[in-house]
Amino acid sequence: MSVHRRGRDEILGMAYSDHELVVFPEGAGIAGPEALLDDPGWVEWRDGPAHDLSAA
């Protein structure tokens, strides 16, 4: 996972779980990252589709 800020890309780390998909952006100061996971303007999914994060 990476984020573009201060004019460059910063690698936050490799996300291996849904939890990490929320924790990494929070650590970068992005509030409410779970709302951004389905927004292609913010997230580019690679190596497969996104997880279904909805409640069962």
PDB file of N, CA and C in Angstrom:
ATOM      1  N   MET A   1       0.846  -1.144   0.000  1.00  0.00           N
ATOM      2  CA  MET A   1       0.000   0.000   0.000  1.00  0.00           C
ATOM      3  C   MET A   1       0.901   1.218   0.000  1.00  0.00           C
ATOM      4  N   SER A   2       0.561   2.185  -0.854  1.00  0.00           N
ATOM      5  CA  SER A   2       1.317   3.430  -0.889  1.00  0.00           C
ATOM      6  C   SER A   2       0.347   4.603  -0.933  1.00  0.00           C
ATOM      7  N   VAL A   3       0.859   5.763  -0.582  1.00  0.00           N
ATOM      8  CA  VAL A   3       0.067   6.993  -0.607  1.00  0.00           C
ATOM      9  C   VAL A   3       0.926   8.073  -1.256  1.00  0.00           C
ATOM     10  N   HIS A   4       0.288   8.911  -2.061  1.00  0.00           N
ATOM     11  CA  HIS A   4       1.006  10.006  -2.702  1.00  0.00           C
ATOM     12  C   HIS A   4       0.805  11.267  -1.864  1.00  0.00           C
ATOM     13  N   ARG A   5       1.866  11.768  -1.297  1.00  0.00           N
ATOM     14  CA  ARG A   5       1.795  13.002  -0.528  1.00  0.00           C
ATOM     15  C   ARG A   5       3.143  13.695  -0.568  1.00  0.00           C
ATOM     16  N   ARG A   6       3.086  14.985  -0.344  1.00  0.00           N
ATOM     17  CA  ARG A   6       4.302  15.820  -0.390  1.00  0.00           C
ATOM     18  C   ARG A   6       5.042  15.659  -1.716  1.00  0.00           C
ATOM     19  N   GLY A   7       4.260  15.466  -2.793  1.00  0.00           N
ATOM     20  CA  GLY A   7       4.842  15.377  -4.126  1.00  0.00           C
ATOM     21  C   GLY A   7       5.538  14.076  -4.461  1.00  0.00           C
ATOM     22  N   ARG A   8       5.332  13.041  -3.639  1.00  0.00           N
ATOM     23  CA  ARG A   8       5.968  11.744  -3.944  1.00  0.00           C
ATOM     24  C   ARG A   8       5.131  10.604  -3.382  1.00  0.00           C
ATOM     25  N   ASP A   9       5.413   9.407  -3.854  1.00  0.00           N
ATOM     26  CA  ASP A   9       4.746   8.212  -3.350  1.00  0.00           C
ATOM     27  C   ASP A   9       5.506   7.686  -2.138  1.00  0.00           C
ATOM     28  N   GLU A  10       4.768   7.375  -1.083  1.00  0.00           N
ATOM     29  CA  GLU A  10       5.359   6.774   0.106  1.00  0.00           C
ATOM     30  C   GLU A  10       4.758   5.389   0.292  1.00  0.00           C
ATOM     31  N   ILE A  11       5.603   4.389   0.415  1.00  0.00           N
ATOM     32  CA  ILE A  11       5.136   3.027   0.651  1.00  0.00           C
ATOM     33  C   ILE A  11       4.806   2.872   2.122  1.00  0.00           C
ATOM     34  N   LEU A  12       3.552   2.473   2.398  1.00  0.00           N
ATOM     35  CA  LEU A  12       3.120   2.271   3.782  1.00  0.00           C
ATOM     36  C   LEU A  12       3.365   0.840   4.222  1.00  0.00           C
ATOM     37  N   GLY A  13       3.323  -0.094   3.298  1.00  0.00           N
ATOM     38  CA  GLY A  13       3.549  -1.500   3.608  1.00  0.00           C
ATOM     39  C   GLY A  13       2.648  -2.390   2.779  1.00  0.00           C
ATOM     40  N   MET A  14       2.857  -3.685   2.867  1.00  0.00           N
ATOM     41  CA  MET A  14       2.028  -4.660   2.166  1.00  0.00           C
ATOM     42  C   MET A  14       0.873  -5.049   3.077  1.00  0.00           C
ATOM     43  N   ALA A  15      -0.347  -4.873   2.599  1.00  0.00           N
ATOM     44  CA  ALA A  15      -1.530  -5.216   3.387  1.00  0.00           C
ATOM     45  C   ALA A  15      -1.893  -6.676   3.134  1.00  0.00           C
ATOM     46  N   TYR A  16      -1.904  -7.462   4.194  1.00  0.00           N
ATOM     47  CA  TYR A  16      -2.240  -8.882   4.100  1.00  0.00           C
ATOM     48  C   TYR A  16      -3.602  -9.194   4.714  1.00  0.00           C
ATOM     49  N   SER A  17      -4.257  -8.187   5.276  1.00  0.00           N
ATOM     50  CA  SER A  17      -5.562  -8.411   5.891  1.00  0.00           C
ATOM     51  C   SER A  17      -6.424  -7.167   5.721  1.00  0.00           C
ATOM     52  N   ASP A  18      -7.714  -7.339   5.910  1.00  0.00           N
ATOM     53  CA  ASP A  18      -8.624  -6.199   5.846  1.00  0.00           C
ATOM     54  C   ASP A  18      -8.287  -5.177   6.930  1.00  0.00           C
ATOM     55  N   HIS A  19      -7.865  -5.658   8.082  1.00  0.00           N
ATOM     56  CA  HIS A  19      -7.488  -4.771   9.180  1.00  0.00           C
ATOM     57  C   HIS A  19      -6.362  -3.830   8.745  1.00  0.00           C
ATOM     58  N   GLU A  20      -5.365  -4.357   8.062  1.00  0.00           N
ATOM     59  CA  GLU A  20      -4.239  -3.539   7.616  1.00  0.00           C
ATOM     60  C   GLU A  20      -4.660  -2.519   6.566  1.00  0.00           C
ATOM     61  N   LEU A  21      -5.707  -2.821   5.793  1.00  0.00           N
ATOM     62  CA  LEU A  21      -6.205  -1.866   4.802  1.00  0.00           C
ATOM     63  C   LEU A  21      -6.756  -0.612   5.464  1.00  0.00           C
ATOM     64  N   VAL A  22      -7.152  -0.710   6.711  1.00  0.00           N
ATOM     65  CA  VAL A  22      -7.660   0.439   7.460  1.00  0.00           C
ATOM     66  C   VAL A  22      -6.549   1.064   8.299  1.00  0.00           C
ATOM     67  N   VAL A  23      -5.702   0.245   8.906  1.00  0.00           N
ATOM     68  CA  VAL A  23      -4.671   0.735   9.819  1.00  0.00           C
ATOM     69  C   VAL A  23      -3.580   1.529   9.088  1.00  0.00           C
ATOM     70  N   PHE A  24      -3.133   1.079   7.933  1.00  0.00           N
ATOM     71  CA  PHE A  24      -2.066   1.775   7.220  1.00  0.00           C
ATOM     72  C   PHE A  24      -2.453   3.216   6.872  1.00  0.00           C
ATOM     73  N   PRO A  25      -3.617   3.457   6.247  1.00  0.00           N
ATOM     74  CA  PRO A  25      -3.981   4.850   5.945  1.00  0.00           C
ATOM     75  C   PRO A  25      -4.189   5.692   7.200  1.00  0.00           C
ATOM     76  N   GLU A  26      -4.749   5.099   8.256  1.00  0.00           N
ATOM     77  CA  GLU A  26      -4.904   5.846   9.502  1.00  0.00           C
ATOM     78  C   GLU A  26      -3.548   6.314  10.013  1.00  0.00           C
ATOM     79  N   GLY A  27      -2.543   5.449   9.917  1.00  0.00           N
ATOM     80  CA  GLY A  27      -1.194   5.808  10.344  1.00  0.00           C
ATOM     81  C   GLY A  27      -0.597   6.929   9.509  1.00  0.00           C
ATOM     82  N   ALA A  28      -1.091   7.081   8.271  1.00  0.00           N
ATOM     83  CA  ALA A  28      -0.617   8.149   7.395  1.00  0.00           C
ATOM     84  C   ALA A  28      -1.437   9.422   7.577  1.00  0.00           C
ATOM     85  N   GLY A  29      -2.385   9.391   8.518  1.00  0.00           N
ATOM     86  CA  GLY A  29      -3.175  10.572   8.807  1.00  0.00           C
ATOM     87  C   GLY A  29      -4.434  10.728   7.975  1.00  0.00           C
ATOM     88  N   ILE A  30      -4.869   9.663   7.297  1.00  0.00           N
ATOM     89  CA  ILE A  30      -6.087   9.701   6.499  1.00  0.00           C
ATOM     90  C   ILE A  30      -7.239   9.221   7.374  1.00  0.00           C
ATOM     91  N   ALA A  31      -8.164  10.114   7.667  1.00  0.00           N
ATOM     92  CA  ALA A  31      -9.292   9.783   8.544  1.00  0.00           C
ATOM     93  C   ALA A  31     -10.369   9.035   7.775  1.00  0.00           C
ATOM     94  N   GLY A  32     -10.978   8.039   8.414  1.00  0.00           N
ATOM     95  CA  GLY A  32     -12.081   7.290   7.818  1.00  0.00           C
ATOM     96  C   GLY A  32     -11.710   6.524   6.565  1.00  0.00           C
ATOM     97  N   PRO A  33     -10.574   5.804   6.552  1.00  0.00           N
ATOM     98  CA  PRO A  33     -10.122   5.153   5.329  1.00  0.00           C
ATOM     99  C   PRO A  33     -11.063   4.070   4.810  1.00  0.00           C
ATOM    100  N   GLU A  34     -11.881   3.458   5.688  1.00  0.00           N
ATOM    101  CA  GLU A  34     -12.759   2.387   5.215  1.00  0.00           C
ATOM    102  C   GLU A  34     -13.751   2.902   4.175  1.00  0.00           C
ATOM    103  N   ALA A  35     -14.103   4.185   4.221  1.00  0.00           N
ATOM    104  CA  ALA A  35     -15.018   4.769   3.243  1.00  0.00           C
ATOM    105  C   ALA A  35     -14.344   4.949   1.885  1.00  0.00           C
ATOM    106  N   LEU A  36     -13.025   4.934   1.845  1.00  0.00           N
ATOM    107  CA  LEU A  36     -12.287   5.161   0.607  1.00  0.00           C
ATOM    108  C   LEU A  36     -11.965   3.882  -0.158  1.00  0.00           C
ATOM    109  N   LEU A  37     -12.144   2.718   0.458  1.00  0.00           N
ATOM    110  CA  LEU A  37     -11.695   1.466  -0.135  1.00  0.00           C
ATOM    111  C   LEU A  37     -12.388   1.130  -1.447  1.00  0.00           C
ATOM    112  N   ASP A  38     -13.606   1.605  -1.664  1.00  0.00           N
ATOM    113  CA  ASP A  38     -14.315   1.340  -2.911  1.00  0.00           C
ATOM    114  C   ASP A  38     -14.238   2.491  -3.897  1.00  0.00           C
ATOM    115  N   ASP A  39     -13.480   3.517  -3.580  1.00  0.00           N
ATOM    116  CA  ASP A  39     -13.364   4.696  -4.438  1.00  0.00           C
ATOM    117  C   ASP A  39     -12.131   4.553  -5.327  1.00  0.00           C
ATOM    118  N   PRO A  40     -12.314   4.324  -6.655  1.00  0.00           N
ATOM    119  CA  PRO A  40     -11.158   4.135  -7.532  1.00  0.00           C
ATOM    120  C   PRO A  40     -10.261   5.371  -7.631  1.00  0.00           C
ATOM    121  N   GLY A  41     -10.752   6.514  -7.195  1.00  0.00           N
ATOM    122  CA  GLY A  41      -9.910   7.701  -7.145  1.00  0.00           C
ATOM    123  C   GLY A  41      -8.874   7.637  -6.038  1.00  0.00           C
ATOM    124  N   TRP A  42      -9.125   6.783  -5.041  1.00  0.00           N
ATOM    125  CA  TRP A  42      -8.216   6.623  -3.912  1.00  0.00           C
ATOM    126  C   TRP A  42      -7.511   5.278  -3.910  1.00  0.00           C
ATOM    127  N   VAL A  43      -8.195   4.232  -4.370  1.00  0.00           N
ATOM    128  CA  VAL A  43      -7.671   2.872  -4.228  1.00  0.00           C
ATOM    129  C   VAL A  43      -7.592   2.187  -5.582  1.00  0.00           C
ATOM    130  N   GLU A  44      -6.442   1.619  -5.870  1.00  0.00           N
ATOM    131  CA  GLU A  44      -6.254   0.788  -7.055  1.00  0.00           C
ATOM    132  C   GLU A  44      -5.976  -0.624  -6.566  1.00  0.00           C
ATOM    133  N   TRP A  45      -6.927  -1.535  -6.815  1.00  0.00           N
ATOM    134  CA  TRP A  45      -6.764  -2.922  -6.380  1.00  0.00           C
ATOM    135  C   TRP A  45      -5.899  -3.667  -7.386  1.00  0.00           C
ATOM    136  N   ARG A  46      -4.961  -4.437  -6.910  1.00  0.00           N
ATOM    137  CA  ARG A  46      -4.079  -5.235  -7.767  1.00  0.00           C
ATOM    138  C   ARG A  46      -4.135  -6.685  -7.320  1.00  0.00           C
ATOM    139  N   ASP A  47      -3.885  -7.593  -8.255  1.00  0.00           N
ATOM    140  CA  ASP A  47      -3.835  -9.034  -7.965  1.00  0.00           C
ATOM    141  C   ASP A  47      -5.154  -9.573  -7.446  1.00  0.00           C
ATOM    142  N   GLY A  48      -6.270  -9.079  -7.967  1.00  0.00           N
ATOM    143  CA  GLY A  48      -7.570  -9.621  -7.580  1.00  0.00           C
ATOM    144  C   GLY A  48      -8.536  -8.553  -7.133  1.00  0.00           C
ATOM    145  N   PRO A  49      -9.803  -8.935  -6.983  1.00  0.00           N
ATOM    146  CA  PRO A  49     -10.804  -7.978  -6.572  1.00  0.00           C
ATOM    147  C   PRO A  49     -10.709  -7.649  -5.083  1.00  0.00           C
ATOM    148  N   ALA A  50     -11.392  -6.579  -4.719  1.00  0.00           N
ATOM    149  CA  ALA A  50     -11.425  -6.164  -3.314  1.00  0.00           C
ATOM    150  C   ALA A  50     -12.211  -7.178  -2.486  1.00  0.00           C
ATOM    151  N   HIS A  51     -11.905  -7.231  -1.212  1.00  0.00           N
ATOM    152  CA  HIS A  51     -12.664  -8.077  -0.286  1.00  0.00           C
ATOM    153  C   HIS A  51     -14.038  -7.474  -0.068  1.00  0.00           C
ATOM    154  N   ASP A  52     -14.972  -8.313   0.283  1.00  0.00           N
ATOM    155  CA  ASP A  52     -16.304  -7.840   0.672  1.00  0.00           C
ATOM    156  C   ASP A  52     -16.222  -7.478   2.142  1.00  0.00           C
ATOM    157  N   LEU A  53     -16.206  -6.173   2.448  1.00  0.00           N
ATOM    158  CA  LEU A  53     -16.035  -5.706   3.817  1.00  0.00           C
ATOM    159  C   LEU A  53     -17.365  -5.459   4.510  1.00  0.00           C
ATOM    160  N   SER A  54     -18.483  -5.809   3.854  1.00  0.00           N
ATOM    161  CA  SER A  54     -19.785  -5.560   4.466  1.00  0.00           C
ATOM    162  C   SER A  54     -20.062  -6.567   5.575  1.00  0.00           C
ATOM    163  N   ALA A  55     -20.923  -6.177   6.502  1.00  0.00           N
ATOM    164  CA  ALA A  55     -21.279  -7.068   7.614  1.00  0.00           C
ATOM    165  C   ALA A  55     -22.129  -8.226   7.114  1.00  0.00           C
ATOM    166  N   ALA A  56     -21.968  -9.358   7.750  1.00  0.00           N
ATOM    167  CA  ALA A  56     -22.713 -10.560   7.353  1.00  0.00           C
ATOM    168  C   ALA A  56     -24.121 -10.518   7.884  1.00  0.00           C
TER     169      ALA A  56
END
